[in-house]
């Protein structure tokens, strides 16, 4: 869920948006009958992945999930309250 995330860098934004935006476009532009072909959709997504690479986007690749690991930075948070007292 992009809208509730804290984004630390542009790679994280790209990773959360691409290729999800492709799936959103697929649903918006096609009739319900055309949305029932997962193989056809994956073939179309693979063409978009090439475009994402050309644009130097950092994206999730469903065909090769290990290619771009999710860019997450874990922060050590200080306690907000002193629980030792």
PDB file of N, CA and C in Angstrom:
ATOM      1  N   UNK A   1       0.852  -1.177   0.000  1.00  0.00           N
ATOM      2  CA  UNK A   1       0.000   0.000   0.000  1.00  0.00           C
ATOM      3  C   UNK A   1       0.892   1.231   0.000  1.00  0.00           C
ATOM      4  N   UNK A   2       0.933   1.916  -1.091  1.00  0.00           N
ATOM      5  CA  UNK A   2       1.810   3.068  -1.245  1.00  0.00           C
ATOM      6  C   UNK A   2       1.384   4.250  -0.401  1.00  0.00           C
ATOM      7  N   UNK A   3       0.127   4.476  -0.259  1.00  0.00           N
ATOM      8  CA  UNK A   3      -0.356   5.720   0.338  1.00  0.00           C
ATOM      9  C   UNK A   3      -0.165   5.762   1.848  1.00  0.00           C
ATOM     10  N   UNK A   4       0.079   4.646   2.483  1.00  0.00           N
ATOM     11  CA  UNK A   4       0.306   4.637   3.929  1.00  0.00           C
ATOM     12  C   UNK A   4       1.776   4.415   4.267  1.00  0.00           C
ATOM     13  N   UNK A   5       2.624   4.411   3.271  1.00  0.00           N
ATOM     14  CA  UNK A   5       4.045   4.131   3.458  1.00  0.00           C
ATOM     15  C   UNK A   5       4.844   5.407   3.697  1.00  0.00           C
ATOM     16  N   UNK A   6       5.920   5.274   4.429  1.00  0.00           N
ATOM     17  CA  UNK A   6       6.920   6.327   4.519  1.00  0.00           C
ATOM     18  C   UNK A   6       8.013   5.940   3.548  1.00  0.00           C
ATOM     19  N   UNK A   7       8.245   6.788   2.559  1.00  0.00           N
ATOM     20  CA  UNK A   7       9.213   6.475   1.524  1.00  0.00           C
ATOM     21  C   UNK A   7      10.537   7.154   1.827  1.00  0.00           C
ATOM     22  N   UNK A   8      11.581   6.358   1.940  1.00  0.00           N
ATOM     23  CA  UNK A   8      12.904   6.867   2.279  1.00  0.00           C
ATOM     24  C   UNK A   8      13.685   7.318   1.050  1.00  0.00           C
ATOM     25  N   UNK A   9      13.349   6.756  -0.126  1.00  0.00           N
ATOM     26  CA  UNK A   9      14.093   7.119  -1.334  1.00  0.00           C
ATOM     27  C   UNK A   9      13.259   6.817  -2.574  1.00  0.00           C
ATOM     28  N   UNK A  10      13.741   7.282  -3.715  1.00  0.00           N
ATOM     29  CA  UNK A  10      13.000   7.129  -4.971  1.00  0.00           C
ATOM     30  C   UNK A  10      12.925   5.662  -5.403  1.00  0.00           C
ATOM     31  N   UNK A  11      13.932   4.856  -5.073  1.00  0.00           N
ATOM     32  CA  UNK A  11      13.864   3.438  -5.426  1.00  0.00           C
ATOM     33  C   UNK A  11      12.691   2.756  -4.745  1.00  0.00           C
ATOM     34  N   UNK A  12      12.432   3.127  -3.521  1.00  0.00           N
ATOM     35  CA  UNK A  12      11.298   2.547  -2.784  1.00  0.00           C
ATOM     36  C   UNK A  12       9.979   2.927  -3.455  1.00  0.00           C
ATOM     37  N   UNK A  13       9.876   4.182  -3.890  1.00  0.00           N
ATOM     38  CA  UNK A  13       8.672   4.632  -4.601  1.00  0.00           C
ATOM     39  C   UNK A  13       8.494   3.829  -5.877  1.00  0.00           C
ATOM     40  N   UNK A  14       9.545   3.738  -6.689  1.00  0.00           N
ATOM     41  CA  UNK A  14       9.457   2.969  -7.930  1.00  0.00           C
ATOM     42  C   UNK A  14       9.056   1.529  -7.660  1.00  0.00           C
ATOM     43  N   UNK A  15       9.659   0.924  -6.634  1.00  0.00           N
ATOM     44  CA  UNK A  15       9.394  -0.481  -6.321  1.00  0.00           C
ATOM     45  C   UNK A  15       7.926  -0.704  -5.949  1.00  0.00           C
ATOM     46  N   UNK A  16       7.326   0.250  -5.258  1.00  0.00           N
ATOM     47  CA  UNK A  16       5.929   0.102  -4.845  1.00  0.00           C
ATOM     48  C   UNK A  16       4.944   0.411  -5.974  1.00  0.00           C
ATOM     49  N   UNK A  17       5.368   1.217  -6.938  1.00  0.00           N
ATOM     50  CA  UNK A  17       4.464   1.615  -8.024  1.00  0.00           C
ATOM     51  C   UNK A  17       4.526   0.664  -9.221  1.00  0.00           C
ATOM     52  N   UNK A  18       5.741   0.224  -9.578  1.00  0.00           N
ATOM     53  CA  UNK A  18       5.916  -0.584 -10.788  1.00  0.00           C
ATOM     54  C   UNK A  18       6.158  -2.041 -10.431  1.00  0.00           C
ATOM     55  N   UNK A  19       5.477  -3.010 -11.033  1.00  0.00           N
ATOM     56  CA  UNK A  19       4.540  -2.926 -12.137  1.00  0.00           C
ATOM     57  C   UNK A  19       3.073  -2.820 -11.715  1.00  0.00           C
ATOM     58  N   UNK A  20       2.790  -2.488 -10.464  1.00  0.00           N
ATOM     59  CA  UNK A  20       1.390  -2.414 -10.019  1.00  0.00           C
ATOM     60  C   UNK A  20       0.562  -1.475 -10.884  1.00  0.00           C
ATOM     61  N   UNK A  21       1.165  -0.379 -11.318  1.00  0.00           N
ATOM     62  CA  UNK A  21       0.430   0.578 -12.128  1.00  0.00           C
ATOM     63  C   UNK A  21       0.018  -0.041 -13.462  1.00  0.00           C
ATOM     64  N   UNK A  22       0.811  -1.003 -13.935  1.00  0.00           N
ATOM     65  CA  UNK A  22       0.465  -1.723 -15.164  1.00  0.00           C
ATOM     66  C   UNK A  22      -0.802  -2.547 -14.956  1.00  0.00           C
ATOM     67  N   UNK A  23      -0.920  -3.194 -13.820  1.00  0.00           N
ATOM     68  CA  UNK A  23      -2.116  -3.978 -13.512  1.00  0.00           C
ATOM     69  C   UNK A  23      -3.331  -3.066 -13.375  1.00  0.00           C
ATOM     70  N   UNK A  24      -3.154  -1.911 -12.764  1.00  0.00           N
ATOM     71  CA  UNK A  24      -4.251  -0.951 -12.640  1.00  0.00           C
ATOM     72  C   UNK A  24      -4.730  -0.509 -14.017  1.00  0.00           C
ATOM     73  N   UNK A  25      -3.803  -0.199 -14.909  1.00  0.00           N
ATOM     74  CA  UNK A  25      -4.171   0.197 -16.275  1.00  0.00           C
ATOM     75  C   UNK A  25      -4.893  -0.934 -16.994  1.00  0.00           C
ATOM     76  N   UNK A  26      -4.427  -2.147 -16.783  1.00  0.00           N
ATOM     77  CA  UNK A  26      -5.057  -3.315 -17.413  1.00  0.00           C
ATOM     78  C   UNK A  26      -6.527  -3.421 -17.015  1.00  0.00           C
ATOM     79  N   UNK A  27      -6.801  -3.230 -15.754  1.00  0.00           N
ATOM     80  CA  UNK A  27      -8.179  -3.324 -15.258  1.00  0.00           C
ATOM     81  C   UNK A  27      -9.010  -2.151 -15.766  1.00  0.00           C
ATOM     82  N   UNK A  28      -8.426  -0.969 -15.797  1.00  0.00           N
ATOM     83  CA  UNK A  28      -9.169   0.228 -16.201  1.00  0.00           C
ATOM     84  C   UNK A  28      -9.499   0.227 -17.686  1.00  0.00           C
ATOM     85  N   UNK A  29      -8.600  -0.273 -18.514  1.00  0.00           N
ATOM     86  CA  UNK A  29      -8.780  -0.156 -19.957  1.00  0.00           C
ATOM     87  C   UNK A  29      -9.421  -1.359 -20.619  1.00  0.00           C
ATOM     88  N   UNK A  30      -9.548  -2.460 -19.932  1.00  0.00           N
ATOM     89  CA  UNK A  30     -10.109  -3.658 -20.549  1.00  0.00           C
ATOM     90  C   UNK A  30     -11.476  -3.986 -19.985  1.00  0.00           C
ATOM     91  N   UNK A  31     -12.255  -4.644 -20.821  1.00  0.00           N
ATOM     92  CA  UNK A  31     -13.578  -5.083 -20.371  1.00  0.00           C
ATOM     93  C   UNK A  31     -13.405  -6.269 -19.435  1.00  0.00           C
ATOM     94  N   UNK A  32     -14.429  -6.572 -18.624  1.00  0.00           N
ATOM     95  CA  UNK A  32     -14.322  -7.717 -17.700  1.00  0.00           C
ATOM     96  C   UNK A  32     -13.967  -9.031 -18.397  1.00  0.00           C
ATOM     97  N   UNK A  33     -14.445  -9.231 -19.621  1.00  0.00           N
ATOM     98  CA  UNK A  33     -14.136 -10.471 -20.352  1.00  0.00           C
ATOM     99  C   UNK A  33     -12.655 -10.579 -20.689  1.00  0.00           C
ATOM    100  N   UNK A  34     -11.993  -9.442 -20.906  1.00  0.00           N
ATOM    101  CA  UNK A  34     -10.585  -9.448 -21.277  1.00  0.00           C
ATOM    102  C   UNK A  34      -9.664  -9.577 -20.060  1.00  0.00           C
ATOM    103  N   UNK A  35     -10.212  -9.439 -18.874  1.00  0.00           N
ATOM    104  CA  UNK A  35      -9.409  -9.479 -17.649  1.00  0.00           C
ATOM    105  C   UNK A  35      -9.206 -10.885 -17.107  1.00  0.00           C
ATOM    106  N   UNK A  36      -9.701 -11.881 -17.792  1.00  0.00           N
ATOM    107  CA  UNK A  36      -9.638 -13.250 -17.274  1.00  0.00           C
ATOM    108  C   UNK A  36      -8.521 -14.072 -17.916  1.00  0.00           C
ATOM    109  N   UNK A  37      -7.536 -13.402 -18.510  1.00  0.00           N
ATOM    110  CA  UNK A  37      -6.446 -14.098 -19.182  1.00  0.00           C
ATOM    111  C   UNK A  37      -5.123 -13.772 -18.498  1.00  0.00           C
ATOM    112  N   UNK A  38      -4.797 -14.474 -17.386  1.00  0.00           N
ATOM    113  CA  UNK A  38      -3.570 -14.163 -16.663  1.00  0.00           C
ATOM    114  C   UNK A  38      -2.296 -14.361 -17.488  1.00  0.00           C
ATOM    115  N   UNK A  39      -2.278 -15.377 -18.362  1.00  0.00           N
ATOM    116  CA  UNK A  39      -1.089 -15.602 -19.194  1.00  0.00           C
ATOM    117  C   UNK A  39      -0.885 -14.434 -20.157  1.00  0.00           C
ATOM    118  N   UNK A  40      -1.970 -13.981 -20.756  1.00  0.00           N
ATOM    119  CA  UNK A  40      -1.888 -12.841 -21.673  1.00  0.00           C
ATOM    120  C   UNK A  40      -1.429 -11.590 -20.938  1.00  0.00           C
ATOM    121  N   UNK A  41      -1.932 -11.416 -19.727  1.00  0.00           N
ATOM    122  CA  UNK A  41      -1.519 -10.266 -18.927  1.00  0.00           C
ATOM    123  C   UNK A  41      -0.027 -10.334 -18.618  1.00  0.00           C
ATOM    124  N   UNK A  42       0.467 -11.487 -18.216  1.00  0.00           N
ATOM    125  CA  UNK A  42       1.893 -11.618 -17.905  1.00  0.00           C
ATOM    126  C   UNK A  42       2.758 -11.373 -19.143  1.00  0.00           C
ATOM    127  N   UNK A  43       2.280 -11.795 -20.315  1.00  0.00           N
ATOM    128  CA  UNK A  43       3.013 -11.507 -21.549  1.00  0.00           C
ATOM    129  C   UNK A  43       3.101 -10.000 -21.785  1.00  0.00           C
ATOM    130  N   UNK A  44       2.014  -9.298 -21.527  1.00  0.00           N
ATOM    131  CA  UNK A  44       2.014  -7.842 -21.693  1.00  0.00           C
ATOM    132  C   UNK A  44       2.888  -7.167 -20.636  1.00  0.00           C
ATOM    133  N   UNK A  45       2.851  -7.692 -19.411  1.00  0.00           N
ATOM    134  CA  UNK A  45       3.678  -7.121 -18.339  1.00  0.00           C
ATOM    135  C   UNK A  45       5.157  -7.258 -18.686  1.00  0.00           C
ATOM    136  N   UNK A  46       5.555  -8.389 -19.252  1.00  0.00           N
ATOM    137  CA  UNK A  46       6.960  -8.586 -19.593  1.00  0.00           C
ATOM    138  C   UNK A  46       7.447  -7.521 -20.567  1.00  0.00           C
ATOM    139  N   UNK A  47       6.599  -7.074 -21.482  1.00  0.00           N
ATOM    140  CA  UNK A  47       6.973  -5.992 -22.395  1.00  0.00           C
ATOM    141  C   UNK A  47       7.163  -4.687 -21.624  1.00  0.00           C
ATOM    142  N   UNK A  48       6.332  -4.475 -20.635  1.00  0.00           N
ATOM    143  CA  UNK A  48       6.461  -3.263 -19.817  1.00  0.00           C
ATOM    144  C   UNK A  48       7.725  -3.308 -18.964  1.00  0.00           C
ATOM    145  N   UNK A  49       8.108  -4.488 -18.510  1.00  0.00           N
ATOM    146  CA  UNK A  49       9.319  -4.614 -17.701  1.00  0.00           C
ATOM    147  C   UNK A  49      10.536  -4.126 -18.477  1.00  0.00           C
ATOM    148  N   UNK A  50      10.554  -4.402 -19.774  1.00  0.00           N
ATOM    149  CA  UNK A  50      11.656  -3.913 -20.612  1.00  0.00           C
ATOM    150  C   UNK A  50      11.662  -2.389 -20.650  1.00  0.00           C
ATOM    151  N   UNK A  51      10.474  -1.790 -20.720  1.00  0.00           N
ATOM    152  CA  UNK A  51      10.372  -0.331 -20.702  1.00  0.00           C
ATOM    153  C   UNK A  51      10.824   0.231 -19.354  1.00  0.00           C
ATOM    154  N   UNK A  52      10.469  -0.454 -18.272  1.00  0.00           N
ATOM    155  CA  UNK A  52      10.888  -0.007 -16.938  1.00  0.00           C
ATOM    156  C   UNK A  52      12.416  -0.027 -16.834  1.00  0.00           C
ATOM    157  N   UNK A  53      13.033  -1.084 -17.379  1.00  0.00           N
ATOM    158  CA  UNK A  53      14.499  -1.173 -17.361  1.00  0.00           C
ATOM    159  C   UNK A  53      15.121  -0.036 -18.151  1.00  0.00           C
ATOM    160  N   UNK A  54      14.565   0.239 -19.338  1.00  0.00           N
ATOM    161  CA  UNK A  54      15.084   1.331 -20.171  1.00  0.00           C
ATOM    162  C   UNK A  54      15.000   2.669 -19.446  1.00  0.00           C
ATOM    163  N   UNK A  55      13.959   2.846 -18.663  1.00  0.00           N
ATOM    164  CA  UNK A  55      13.753   4.097 -17.932  1.00  0.00           C
ATOM    165  C   UNK A  55      14.537   4.134 -16.619  1.00  0.00           C
ATOM    166  N   UNK A  56      15.327   3.103 -16.360  1.00  0.00           N
ATOM    167  CA  UNK A  56      16.129   2.994 -15.129  1.00  0.00           C
ATOM    168  C   UNK A  56      15.282   3.042 -13.862  1.00  0.00           C
ATOM    169  N   UNK A  57      14.112   2.423 -13.930  1.00  0.00           N
ATOM    170  CA  UNK A  57      13.245   2.330 -12.752  1.00  0.00           C
ATOM    171  C   UNK A  57      13.679   1.134 -11.905  1.00  0.00           C
ATOM    172  N   UNK A  58      13.509   1.246 -10.622  1.00  0.00           N
ATOM    173  CA  UNK A  58      13.800   0.145  -9.699  1.00  0.00           C
ATOM    174  C   UNK A  58      12.461  -0.511  -9.395  1.00  0.00           C
ATOM    175  N   UNK A  59      12.180  -1.638 -10.022  1.00  0.00           N
ATOM    176  CA  UNK A  59      10.840  -2.220  -9.975  1.00  0.00           C
ATOM    177  C   UNK A  59      10.874  -3.673  -9.524  1.00  0.00           C
ATOM    178  N   UNK A  60       9.720  -4.138  -9.057  1.00  0.00           N
ATOM    179  CA  UNK A  60       9.554  -5.557  -8.736  1.00  0.00           C
ATOM    180  C   UNK A  60       9.386  -6.309 -10.045  1.00  0.00           C
ATOM    181  N   UNK A  61      10.153  -7.355 -10.220  1.00  0.00           N
ATOM    182  CA  UNK A  61      10.078  -8.149 -11.439  1.00  0.00           C
ATOM    183  C   UNK A  61       9.440  -9.500 -11.107  1.00  0.00           C
ATOM    184  N   UNK A  62       8.170  -9.708 -11.481  1.00  0.00           N
ATOM    185  CA  UNK A  62       7.513 -10.976 -11.143  1.00  0.00           C
ATOM    186  C   UNK A  62       8.148 -12.183 -11.846  1.00  0.00           C
ATOM    187  N   UNK A  63       8.835 -11.964 -12.951  1.00  0.00           N
ATOM    188  CA  UNK A  63       9.490 -13.064 -13.653  1.00  0.00           C
ATOM    189  C   UNK A  63      10.819 -13.440 -12.989  1.00  0.00           C
ATOM    190  N   UNK A  64      11.406 -12.493 -12.250  1.00  0.00           N
ATOM    191  CA  UNK A  64      12.690 -12.723 -11.576  1.00  0.00           C
ATOM    192  C   UNK A  64      12.676 -11.950 -10.251  1.00  0.00           C
ATOM    193  N   UNK A  65      11.939 -12.441  -9.247  1.00  0.00           N
ATOM    194  CA  UNK A  65      11.751 -11.690  -7.993  1.00  0.00           C
ATOM    195  C   UNK A  65      13.041 -11.319  -7.264  1.00  0.00           C
ATOM    196  N   UNK A  66      14.110 -12.069  -7.447  1.00  0.00           N
ATOM    197  CA  UNK A  66      15.352 -11.762  -6.764  1.00  0.00           C
ATOM    198  C   UNK A  66      16.187 -10.689  -7.445  1.00  0.00           C
ATOM    199  N   UNK A  67      15.791 -10.276  -8.631  1.00  0.00           N
ATOM    200  CA  UNK A  67      16.579  -9.321  -9.408  1.00  0.00           C
ATOM    201  C   UNK A  67      16.728  -7.985  -8.687  1.00  0.00           C
ATOM    202  N   UNK A  68      15.651  -7.430  -8.216  1.00  0.00           N
ATOM    203  CA  UNK A  68      15.662  -6.162  -7.487  1.00  0.00           C
ATOM    204  C   UNK A  68      15.042  -6.392  -6.121  1.00  0.00           C
ATOM    205  N   UNK A  69      15.841  -6.613  -5.099  1.00  0.00           N
ATOM    206  CA  UNK A  69      15.246  -6.820  -3.769  1.00  0.00           C
ATOM    207  C   UNK A  69      14.549  -5.553  -3.286  1.00  0.00           C
ATOM    208  N   UNK A  70      13.547  -5.750  -2.469  1.00  0.00           N
ATOM    209  CA  UNK A  70      12.785  -4.603  -1.973  1.00  0.00           C
ATOM    210  C   UNK A  70      13.696  -3.689  -1.157  1.00  0.00           C
ATOM    211  N   UNK A  71      13.756  -2.398  -1.533  1.00  0.00           N
ATOM    212  CA  UNK A  71      14.636  -1.467  -0.830  1.00  0.00           C
ATOM    213  C   UNK A  71      14.001  -0.964   0.464  1.00  0.00           C
ATOM    214  N   UNK A  72      14.332  -1.618   1.555  1.00  0.00           N
ATOM    215  CA  UNK A  72      13.765  -1.249   2.849  1.00  0.00           C
ATOM    216  C   UNK A  72      14.908  -0.933   3.797  1.00  0.00           C
ATOM    217  N   UNK A  73      14.761   0.161   4.520  1.00  0.00           N
ATOM    218  CA  UNK A  73      15.740   0.506   5.538  1.00  0.00           C
ATOM    219  C   UNK A  73      15.081   0.335   6.892  1.00  0.00           C
ATOM    220  N   UNK A  74      15.665  -0.516   7.704  1.00  0.00           N
ATOM    221  CA  UNK A  74      15.133  -0.737   9.043  1.00  0.00           C
ATOM    222  C   UNK A  74      15.778   0.267   9.984  1.00  0.00           C
ATOM    223  N   UNK A  75      14.949   0.965  10.713  1.00  0.00           N
ATOM    224  CA  UNK A  75      15.451   1.942  11.667  1.00  0.00           C
ATOM    225  C   UNK A  75      15.305   1.391  13.079  1.00  0.00           C
ATOM    226  N   UNK A  76      16.277   1.715  13.902  1.00  0.00           N
ATOM    227  CA  UNK A  76      16.179   1.370  15.314  1.00  0.00           C
ATOM    228  C   UNK A  76      15.526   2.569  15.983  1.00  0.00           C
ATOM    229  N   UNK A  77      14.390   2.330  16.560  1.00  0.00           N
ATOM    230  CA  UNK A  77      13.655   3.438  17.180  1.00  0.00           C
ATOM    231  C   UNK A  77      13.935   3.482  18.671  1.00  0.00           C
ATOM    232  N   UNK A  78      14.079   4.689  19.154  1.00  0.00           N
ATOM    233  CA  UNK A  78      14.261   4.887  20.584  1.00  0.00           C
ATOM    234  C   UNK A  78      12.902   4.795  21.266  1.00  0.00           C
ATOM    235  N   UNK A  79      12.863   4.256  22.464  1.00  0.00           N
ATOM    236  CA  UNK A  79      11.576   4.187  23.169  1.00  0.00           C
ATOM    237  C   UNK A  79      11.044   5.596  23.430  1.00  0.00           C
ATOM    238  N   UNK A  80       9.748   5.758  23.284  1.00  0.00           N
ATOM    239  CA  UNK A  80       9.136   7.057  23.495  1.00  0.00           C
ATOM    240  C   UNK A  80       8.952   7.375  24.972  1.00  0.00           C
ATOM    241  N   UNK A  81       8.831   6.335  25.757  1.00  0.00           N
ATOM    242  CA  UNK A  81       8.595   6.516  27.188  1.00  0.00           C
ATOM    243  C   UNK A  81       9.616   5.725  27.972  1.00  0.00           C
ATOM    244  N   UNK A  82       9.986   6.222  29.116  1.00  0.00           N
ATOM    245  CA  UNK A  82      10.905   5.510  29.975  1.00  0.00           C
ATOM    246  C   UNK A  82      10.124   4.461  30.742  1.00  0.00           C
ATOM    247  N   UNK A  83      10.365   3.222  30.377  1.00  0.00           N
ATOM    248  CA  UNK A  83       9.621   2.118  31.014  1.00  0.00           C
ATOM    249  C   UNK A  83      10.416   1.505  32.164  1.00  0.00           C
ATOM    250  N   UNK A  84      11.586   2.035  32.444  1.00  0.00           N
ATOM    251  CA  UNK A  84      12.449   1.496  33.491  1.00  0.00           C
ATOM    252  C   UNK A  84      12.062   2.005  34.880  1.00  0.00           C
ATOM    253  N   UNK A  85      11.308   3.069  34.939  1.00  0.00           N
ATOM    254  CA  UNK A  85      10.974   3.661  36.250  1.00  0.00           C
ATOM    255  C   UNK A  85       9.829   2.959  36.924  1.00  0.00           C
TER     256      UNK A  85
END
